[in-house]
């Protein structure tokens, strides 16, 4: 089963302004705006903060505070593929620590890092809701249960495409 890599657009101030203008009409629009920007560009670029602040009549500090508070908002482009390994207790008890160590070793990076070729970003996640089927992982937003060494090897092999 292939876990398709998302395709992001390069940064465009015009595109960001259009997104913010369209989404800002919603009640409590800041989070939806940030999600849409990240969905479009793969991260929330620093250059987007003043655009959001101006259109939504917020201070840059308010916008920056929200972007930095939530772990899932990325400040820099990630790898083409994002591999998340569950590090929560249930997955740890089912061999998740060995899977995490293996992923780090195979990719040659620590958690929170991206391979030098920008192919894969490795992230820790603290529960995918697959506790009974652990250890679990997520590749490009698709959850994977009962991760074994062989299944992890297969997931990493998918990132070579």
N, C-alpha and C. Protein backbone atom coordinates (compact mmCIF):
# COMPACT_ATOMS: atom_id res chain seq x y z
N UNK A 1 0.84 -1.18 0.00
CA UNK A 1 0.00 0.00 0.00
C UNK A 1 0.88 1.24 0.00
N UNK A 2 0.68 2.10 -0.94
CA UNK A 2 1.45 3.34 -1.03
C UNK A 2 0.84 4.43 -0.17
N UNK A 3 1.70 5.20 0.45
CA UNK A 3 1.29 6.34 1.28
C UNK A 3 1.79 7.59 0.56
N UNK A 4 0.96 8.14 -0.30
CA UNK A 4 1.37 9.22 -1.19
C UNK A 4 1.88 10.44 -0.43
N UNK A 5 2.96 10.99 -0.93
CA UNK A 5 3.52 12.21 -0.37
C UNK A 5 2.67 13.39 -0.80
N UNK A 6 2.41 14.32 0.12
CA UNK A 6 1.65 15.50 -0.27
C UNK A 6 2.46 16.38 -1.22
N UNK A 7 1.76 17.17 -1.99
CA UNK A 7 2.43 18.11 -2.91
C UNK A 7 2.10 19.52 -2.45
N UNK A 8 3.15 20.28 -2.22
CA UNK A 8 2.97 21.65 -1.73
C UNK A 8 3.37 22.64 -2.79
N UNK A 9 2.78 23.83 -2.69
CA UNK A 9 3.13 24.93 -3.57
C UNK A 9 4.31 25.70 -2.98
N UNK A 10 5.11 26.30 -3.83
CA UNK A 10 6.13 27.21 -3.29
C UNK A 10 5.46 28.44 -2.69
N UNK A 11 6.16 29.08 -1.74
CA UNK A 11 5.61 30.26 -1.07
C UNK A 11 5.21 31.32 -2.07
N UNK A 12 4.05 31.89 -1.84
CA UNK A 12 3.54 33.00 -2.65
C UNK A 12 2.76 33.91 -1.72
N UNK A 13 3.20 35.16 -1.62
CA UNK A 13 2.48 36.13 -0.77
C UNK A 13 1.07 36.34 -1.29
N UNK A 14 0.90 36.35 -2.61
CA UNK A 14 -0.43 36.54 -3.18
C UNK A 14 -1.36 35.38 -2.82
N UNK A 15 -0.85 34.16 -2.93
CA UNK A 15 -1.65 32.99 -2.59
C UNK A 15 -1.99 33.00 -1.09
N UNK A 16 -1.02 33.35 -0.26
CA UNK A 16 -1.26 33.42 1.19
C UNK A 16 -2.33 34.47 1.50
N UNK A 17 -2.25 35.62 0.87
CA UNK A 17 -3.25 36.67 1.09
C UNK A 17 -4.64 36.20 0.68
N UNK A 18 -4.71 35.48 -0.43
CA UNK A 18 -6.00 34.95 -0.89
C UNK A 18 -6.57 33.95 0.13
N UNK A 19 -5.71 33.08 0.65
CA UNK A 19 -6.15 32.10 1.64
C UNK A 19 -6.64 32.80 2.89
N UNK A 20 -5.86 33.74 3.39
CA UNK A 20 -6.24 34.44 4.62
C UNK A 20 -7.53 35.21 4.42
N UNK A 21 -7.66 35.88 3.29
CA UNK A 21 -8.89 36.65 3.02
C UNK A 21 -10.12 35.74 2.95
N UNK A 22 -9.97 34.61 2.30
CA UNK A 22 -11.09 33.68 2.15
C UNK A 22 -11.47 33.04 3.48
N UNK A 23 -10.49 32.57 4.23
CA UNK A 23 -10.75 31.85 5.47
C UNK A 23 -11.08 32.75 6.65
N UNK A 24 -10.65 34.01 6.61
CA UNK A 24 -10.81 34.88 7.79
C UNK A 24 -12.25 35.29 8.07
N UNK A 25 -13.16 35.04 7.16
CA UNK A 25 -14.57 35.38 7.39
C UNK A 25 -15.23 34.43 8.37
N UNK A 26 -14.59 33.31 8.66
CA UNK A 26 -15.15 32.32 9.57
C UNK A 26 -15.00 32.77 11.02
N UNK A 27 -15.88 32.29 11.86
CA UNK A 27 -15.78 32.53 13.31
C UNK A 27 -14.56 31.76 13.81
N UNK A 28 -13.71 32.41 14.61
CA UNK A 28 -12.51 31.75 15.14
C UNK A 28 -11.60 31.29 14.02
N UNK A 29 -11.32 32.16 13.08
CA UNK A 29 -10.68 31.78 11.83
C UNK A 29 -9.18 31.52 11.90
N UNK A 30 -8.50 31.93 12.96
CA UNK A 30 -7.04 31.84 12.95
C UNK A 30 -6.55 30.41 12.75
N UNK A 31 -7.07 29.46 13.48
CA UNK A 31 -6.61 28.08 13.31
C UNK A 31 -6.92 27.54 11.91
N UNK A 32 -8.14 27.72 11.39
CA UNK A 32 -8.38 27.28 10.02
C UNK A 32 -7.46 27.94 8.99
N UNK A 33 -7.14 29.22 9.20
CA UNK A 33 -6.21 29.92 8.30
C UNK A 33 -4.84 29.25 8.35
N UNK A 34 -4.36 29.00 9.55
CA UNK A 34 -3.04 28.37 9.70
C UNK A 34 -3.01 26.98 9.09
N UNK A 35 -4.08 26.21 9.30
CA UNK A 35 -4.14 24.87 8.71
C UNK A 35 -4.13 24.94 7.19
N UNK A 36 -4.89 25.86 6.63
CA UNK A 36 -4.95 25.99 5.16
C UNK A 36 -3.60 26.42 4.59
N UNK A 37 -2.93 27.34 5.27
CA UNK A 37 -1.59 27.75 4.82
C UNK A 37 -0.63 26.58 4.85
N UNK A 38 -0.67 25.81 5.93
CA UNK A 38 0.24 24.66 6.03
C UNK A 38 -0.12 23.60 4.99
N UNK A 39 -1.39 23.41 4.75
CA UNK A 39 -1.84 22.46 3.73
C UNK A 39 -1.35 22.88 2.35
N UNK A 40 -1.30 24.16 2.12
CA UNK A 40 -0.90 24.69 0.81
C UNK A 40 0.61 24.72 0.63
N UNK A 41 1.34 25.20 1.65
CA UNK A 41 2.77 25.42 1.52
C UNK A 41 3.64 24.38 2.24
N UNK A 42 3.00 23.50 3.02
CA UNK A 42 3.76 22.49 3.75
C UNK A 42 4.26 22.96 5.10
N UNK A 43 4.10 24.22 5.39
CA UNK A 43 4.47 24.81 6.68
C UNK A 43 3.84 26.20 6.74
N UNK A 44 3.96 26.85 7.88
CA UNK A 44 3.47 28.22 8.01
C UNK A 44 4.70 29.12 7.95
N UNK A 45 4.98 29.66 6.77
CA UNK A 45 6.18 30.50 6.62
C UNK A 45 6.14 31.73 7.51
N UNK A 46 7.30 32.14 7.98
CA UNK A 46 7.38 33.37 8.80
C UNK A 46 6.78 34.56 8.06
N UNK A 47 6.93 34.57 6.74
CA UNK A 47 6.41 35.67 5.94
C UNK A 47 4.88 35.74 5.96
N UNK A 48 4.23 34.65 6.37
CA UNK A 48 2.77 34.64 6.42
C UNK A 48 2.24 35.36 7.66
N UNK A 49 3.04 35.44 8.71
CA UNK A 49 2.58 36.03 9.97
C UNK A 49 2.10 37.47 9.79
N UNK A 50 2.87 38.36 9.17
CA UNK A 50 2.36 39.73 9.01
C UNK A 50 1.14 39.80 8.09
N UNK A 51 1.04 38.92 7.12
CA UNK A 51 -0.13 38.89 6.24
C UNK A 51 -1.37 38.54 7.06
N UNK A 52 -1.26 37.49 7.86
CA UNK A 52 -2.38 37.07 8.71
C UNK A 52 -2.76 38.18 9.68
N UNK A 53 -1.76 38.74 10.33
CA UNK A 53 -2.01 39.79 11.34
C UNK A 53 -2.75 40.97 10.73
N UNK A 54 -2.32 41.40 9.56
CA UNK A 54 -2.94 42.57 8.93
C UNK A 54 -4.38 42.27 8.53
N UNK A 55 -4.60 41.17 7.85
CA UNK A 55 -5.94 40.87 7.35
C UNK A 55 -6.91 40.59 8.50
N UNK A 56 -6.42 39.93 9.55
CA UNK A 56 -7.31 39.53 10.64
C UNK A 56 -7.32 40.52 11.80
N UNK A 57 -6.61 41.64 11.64
CA UNK A 57 -6.55 42.67 12.67
C UNK A 57 -6.06 42.11 14.01
N UNK A 58 -4.97 41.37 13.93
CA UNK A 58 -4.31 40.80 15.10
C UNK A 58 -2.89 41.32 15.15
N UNK A 59 -2.25 41.22 16.29
CA UNK A 59 -0.84 41.59 16.33
C UNK A 59 -0.02 40.42 15.81
N UNK A 60 1.17 40.74 15.33
CA UNK A 60 2.08 39.67 14.89
C UNK A 60 2.39 38.74 16.04
N UNK A 61 2.49 39.29 17.24
CA UNK A 61 2.78 38.46 18.43
C UNK A 61 1.66 37.46 18.69
N UNK A 62 0.41 37.89 18.50
CA UNK A 62 -0.71 36.97 18.70
C UNK A 62 -0.65 35.81 17.71
N UNK A 63 -0.39 36.13 16.46
CA UNK A 63 -0.31 35.09 15.43
C UNK A 63 0.87 34.17 15.71
N UNK A 64 2.02 34.76 15.97
CA UNK A 64 3.23 33.98 16.26
C UNK A 64 3.00 33.07 17.48
N UNK A 65 2.33 33.58 18.49
CA UNK A 65 2.05 32.79 19.69
C UNK A 65 1.23 31.55 19.39
N UNK A 66 0.25 31.67 18.52
CA UNK A 66 -0.58 30.52 18.17
C UNK A 66 0.21 29.54 17.32
N UNK A 67 0.98 30.04 16.36
CA UNK A 67 1.78 29.16 15.49
C UNK A 67 2.78 28.36 16.32
N UNK A 68 3.40 28.99 17.29
CA UNK A 68 4.43 28.30 18.07
C UNK A 68 3.84 27.46 19.20
N UNK A 69 2.61 27.73 19.61
CA UNK A 69 1.99 26.95 20.68
C UNK A 69 1.64 25.54 20.22
N UNK A 70 1.12 25.41 19.01
CA UNK A 70 0.66 24.11 18.52
C UNK A 70 1.79 23.38 17.80
N UNK A 71 2.07 22.18 18.28
CA UNK A 71 3.18 21.36 17.78
C UNK A 71 3.06 21.04 16.29
N UNK A 72 1.86 20.87 15.79
CA UNK A 72 1.71 20.45 14.40
C UNK A 72 1.91 21.56 13.37
N UNK A 73 1.98 22.81 13.80
CA UNK A 73 2.28 23.86 12.84
C UNK A 73 3.79 23.91 12.65
N UNK A 74 4.22 23.72 11.44
CA UNK A 74 5.66 23.67 11.13
C UNK A 74 6.12 25.04 10.66
N UNK A 75 7.33 25.39 11.05
CA UNK A 75 7.89 26.71 10.74
C UNK A 75 8.83 26.67 9.54
N UNK A 76 9.17 25.48 9.11
CA UNK A 76 10.07 25.32 7.97
C UNK A 76 9.56 24.13 7.15
N UNK A 77 9.90 24.09 5.89
CA UNK A 77 9.47 22.95 5.08
C UNK A 77 9.97 21.64 5.66
N UNK A 78 9.14 20.64 5.58
CA UNK A 78 9.52 19.31 6.02
C UNK A 78 10.00 18.52 4.81
N UNK A 79 10.39 17.29 5.07
CA UNK A 79 10.79 16.42 3.98
C UNK A 79 9.62 16.10 3.07
N UNK A 80 9.92 15.53 1.94
CA UNK A 80 8.88 15.13 1.00
C UNK A 80 7.90 14.18 1.68
N UNK A 81 8.43 13.31 2.55
CA UNK A 81 7.63 12.36 3.31
C UNK A 81 7.79 12.66 4.79
N UNK A 82 6.72 12.46 5.56
CA UNK A 82 6.80 12.63 7.01
C UNK A 82 6.43 11.30 7.66
N UNK A 83 7.38 10.75 8.41
CA UNK A 83 7.17 9.51 9.13
C UNK A 83 7.07 9.83 10.61
N UNK A 84 5.92 9.51 11.19
CA UNK A 84 5.70 9.74 12.62
C UNK A 84 5.63 8.38 13.30
N UNK A 85 6.36 8.25 14.38
CA UNK A 85 6.37 7.02 15.16
C UNK A 85 5.74 7.32 16.51
N UNK A 86 4.77 6.51 16.93
CA UNK A 86 4.12 6.72 18.21
C UNK A 86 5.11 6.40 19.33
N UNK A 87 5.24 7.34 20.26
CA UNK A 87 6.15 7.19 21.40
C UNK A 87 5.38 7.09 22.71
N UNK A 88 4.06 6.94 22.66
CA UNK A 88 3.25 6.85 23.87
C UNK A 88 3.44 5.49 24.55
N UNK A 89 3.02 5.42 25.79
CA UNK A 89 3.27 4.26 26.63
C UNK A 89 2.73 2.95 26.05
N UNK A 90 1.52 2.97 25.51
CA UNK A 90 0.95 1.73 24.98
C UNK A 90 1.80 1.17 23.85
N UNK A 91 2.26 2.03 22.97
CA UNK A 91 3.12 1.56 21.87
C UNK A 91 4.49 1.16 22.39
N UNK A 92 5.00 1.89 23.40
CA UNK A 92 6.28 1.51 24.00
C UNK A 92 6.20 0.10 24.56
N UNK A 93 5.10 -0.23 25.21
CA UNK A 93 4.96 -1.54 25.83
C UNK A 93 4.86 -2.66 24.81
N UNK A 94 4.61 -2.32 23.56
CA UNK A 94 4.47 -3.31 22.51
C UNK A 94 5.66 -3.28 21.54
N UNK A 95 6.78 -2.70 21.97
CA UNK A 95 7.99 -2.70 21.14
C UNK A 95 8.25 -1.42 20.39
N UNK A 96 7.54 -0.38 20.73
CA UNK A 96 7.69 0.89 20.02
C UNK A 96 9.06 1.53 20.14
N UNK A 97 9.73 1.34 21.27
CA UNK A 97 11.06 1.94 21.44
C UNK A 97 12.05 1.35 20.44
N UNK A 98 11.95 0.04 20.21
CA UNK A 98 12.84 -0.61 19.23
C UNK A 98 12.53 -0.11 17.82
N UNK A 99 11.24 0.07 17.52
CA UNK A 99 10.84 0.59 16.20
C UNK A 99 11.36 2.02 16.03
N UNK A 100 11.23 2.82 17.08
CA UNK A 100 11.70 4.21 17.02
C UNK A 100 13.21 4.25 16.79
N UNK A 101 13.95 3.44 17.53
CA UNK A 101 15.41 3.41 17.37
C UNK A 101 15.80 2.93 15.98
N UNK A 102 15.07 1.95 15.47
CA UNK A 102 15.36 1.43 14.13
C UNK A 102 15.09 2.49 13.05
N UNK A 103 13.99 3.21 13.19
CA UNK A 103 13.66 4.25 12.21
C UNK A 103 14.76 5.31 12.19
N UNK A 104 15.18 5.74 13.37
CA UNK A 104 16.23 6.75 13.46
C UNK A 104 17.53 6.25 12.83
N UNK A 105 17.87 5.01 13.11
CA UNK A 105 19.11 4.44 12.57
C UNK A 105 19.05 4.29 11.05
N UNK A 106 17.93 3.75 10.54
CA UNK A 106 17.81 3.54 9.09
C UNK A 106 17.83 4.85 8.31
N UNK A 107 17.21 5.88 8.89
CA UNK A 107 17.17 7.18 8.20
C UNK A 107 18.42 8.02 8.47
N UNK A 108 19.15 7.67 9.52
CA UNK A 108 20.36 8.42 9.86
C UNK A 108 20.08 9.80 10.45
N UNK A 109 18.91 9.93 11.08
CA UNK A 109 18.52 11.20 11.70
C UNK A 109 17.85 10.93 13.04
N UNK A 110 17.82 11.96 13.86
CA UNK A 110 17.10 11.89 15.13
C UNK A 110 15.67 12.37 14.92
N UNK A 111 14.84 12.12 15.91
CA UNK A 111 13.47 12.63 15.84
C UNK A 111 13.50 14.15 15.79
N UNK A 112 12.63 14.71 14.94
CA UNK A 112 12.58 16.15 14.77
C UNK A 112 13.49 16.64 13.66
N UNK A 113 14.17 15.73 13.00
CA UNK A 113 15.10 16.11 11.93
C UNK A 113 14.60 15.64 10.57
N UNK A 114 15.22 16.19 9.54
CA UNK A 114 14.93 15.83 8.16
C UNK A 114 16.22 15.35 7.52
N UNK A 115 16.10 14.32 6.69
CA UNK A 115 17.28 13.81 6.00
C UNK A 115 17.90 14.92 5.16
N UNK A 116 19.20 14.84 4.94
CA UNK A 116 19.91 15.90 4.21
C UNK A 116 19.39 16.07 2.79
N UNK A 117 18.83 15.01 2.20
CA UNK A 117 18.28 15.11 0.85
C UNK A 117 16.83 15.60 0.85
N UNK A 118 16.33 15.96 2.05
CA UNK A 118 14.96 16.49 2.23
C UNK A 118 13.89 15.46 1.86
N UNK A 119 14.27 14.20 1.91
CA UNK A 119 13.35 13.12 1.54
C UNK A 119 12.38 12.77 2.67
N UNK A 120 12.87 12.71 3.92
CA UNK A 120 12.04 12.25 5.04
C UNK A 120 12.26 13.11 6.28
N UNK A 121 11.17 13.47 6.93
CA UNK A 121 11.21 14.07 8.25
C UNK A 121 10.70 13.01 9.22
N UNK A 122 11.44 12.81 10.31
CA UNK A 122 11.07 11.83 11.33
C UNK A 122 10.54 12.58 12.55
N UNK A 123 9.32 12.23 12.97
CA UNK A 123 8.71 12.91 14.11
C UNK A 123 8.18 11.92 15.12
N UNK A 124 8.21 12.32 16.37
CA UNK A 124 7.54 11.58 17.43
C UNK A 124 6.10 12.06 17.49
N UNK A 125 5.21 11.16 17.77
CA UNK A 125 3.81 11.51 17.99
C UNK A 125 3.38 10.76 19.26
N UNK A 126 2.51 11.34 20.01
CA UNK A 126 2.14 10.75 21.29
C UNK A 126 0.69 10.32 21.31
N UNK A 127 0.38 9.38 20.49
CA UNK A 127 -0.85 8.60 20.41
C UNK A 127 -1.55 8.84 19.09
N UNK A 128 -1.73 7.77 18.39
CA UNK A 128 -2.49 7.77 17.14
C UNK A 128 -3.86 7.13 17.34
N UNK A 129 -4.14 6.71 18.58
CA UNK A 129 -5.41 6.05 18.86
C UNK A 129 -5.44 4.60 18.42
N UNK A 130 -4.28 4.03 18.17
CA UNK A 130 -4.19 2.63 17.76
C UNK A 130 -3.53 1.80 18.86
N UNK A 131 -3.85 2.13 20.11
CA UNK A 131 -3.16 1.55 21.26
C UNK A 131 -3.22 0.03 21.29
N UNK A 132 -4.34 -0.56 20.90
CA UNK A 132 -4.47 -2.01 20.92
C UNK A 132 -3.73 -2.66 19.75
N UNK A 133 -3.31 -1.84 18.79
CA UNK A 133 -2.65 -2.36 17.58
C UNK A 133 -1.23 -1.84 17.46
N UNK A 134 -0.62 -1.50 18.60
CA UNK A 134 0.72 -0.92 18.57
C UNK A 134 1.78 -1.96 18.32
N UNK A 135 2.98 -1.51 18.06
CA UNK A 135 3.33 -0.11 17.89
C UNK A 135 2.77 0.44 16.58
N UNK A 136 2.52 1.74 16.59
CA UNK A 136 1.91 2.35 15.41
C UNK A 136 2.78 3.48 14.87
N UNK A 137 2.48 3.83 13.64
CA UNK A 137 3.20 4.89 12.95
C UNK A 137 2.23 5.59 12.01
N UNK A 138 2.71 6.64 11.38
CA UNK A 138 1.94 7.34 10.37
C UNK A 138 2.90 7.80 9.29
N UNK A 139 2.60 7.48 8.06
CA UNK A 139 3.41 7.94 6.93
C UNK A 139 2.54 8.81 6.05
N UNK A 140 2.95 10.06 5.89
CA UNK A 140 2.23 11.01 5.05
C UNK A 140 0.75 11.11 5.42
N UNK A 141 0.47 11.06 6.72
CA UNK A 141 -0.90 11.22 7.20
C UNK A 141 -1.72 9.95 7.27
N UNK A 142 -1.18 8.82 6.80
CA UNK A 142 -1.91 7.56 6.83
C UNK A 142 -1.41 6.70 8.00
N UNK A 143 -2.30 6.35 8.93
CA UNK A 143 -1.88 5.54 10.08
C UNK A 143 -1.53 4.12 9.67
N UNK A 144 -0.57 3.55 10.41
CA UNK A 144 -0.13 2.18 10.17
C UNK A 144 -0.08 1.48 11.53
N UNK A 145 -0.77 0.35 11.65
CA UNK A 145 -0.82 -0.39 12.90
C UNK A 145 0.13 -1.58 12.87
N UNK A 146 0.43 -2.08 14.07
CA UNK A 146 1.25 -3.29 14.24
C UNK A 146 2.55 -3.21 13.44
N UNK A 147 3.29 -2.16 13.66
CA UNK A 147 4.55 -1.95 12.93
C UNK A 147 5.60 -2.93 13.44
N UNK A 148 6.11 -3.70 12.52
CA UNK A 148 7.21 -4.63 12.78
C UNK A 148 8.45 -4.08 12.09
N UNK A 149 9.58 -4.73 12.30
CA UNK A 149 10.79 -4.32 11.59
C UNK A 149 10.56 -4.36 10.08
N UNK A 150 9.93 -5.43 9.61
CA UNK A 150 9.69 -5.58 8.17
C UNK A 150 8.74 -4.50 7.65
N UNK A 151 7.70 -4.19 8.43
CA UNK A 151 6.74 -3.17 8.00
C UNK A 151 7.40 -1.79 8.00
N UNK A 152 8.25 -1.53 8.99
CA UNK A 152 8.99 -0.26 9.02
C UNK A 152 9.91 -0.16 7.81
N UNK A 153 10.62 -1.24 7.51
CA UNK A 153 11.50 -1.25 6.34
C UNK A 153 10.72 -0.93 5.07
N UNK A 154 9.51 -1.48 4.96
CA UNK A 154 8.66 -1.24 3.80
C UNK A 154 8.22 0.22 3.73
N UNK A 155 7.87 0.80 4.89
CA UNK A 155 7.47 2.20 4.92
C UNK A 155 8.63 3.10 4.48
N UNK A 156 9.81 2.81 5.00
CA UNK A 156 10.97 3.62 4.63
C UNK A 156 11.31 3.44 3.16
N UNK A 157 11.14 2.22 2.63
CA UNK A 157 11.39 1.98 1.20
C UNK A 157 10.44 2.82 0.34
N UNK A 158 9.20 3.02 0.82
CA UNK A 158 8.24 3.86 0.08
C UNK A 158 8.74 5.29 -0.06
N UNK A 159 9.54 5.74 0.89
CA UNK A 159 9.99 7.14 0.86
C UNK A 159 11.10 7.33 -0.16
N UNK A 160 11.57 6.27 -0.77
CA UNK A 160 12.62 6.40 -1.80
C UNK A 160 12.05 6.78 -3.15
N UNK A 161 10.72 6.84 -3.23
CA UNK A 161 10.10 7.19 -4.52
C UNK A 161 9.90 8.68 -4.66
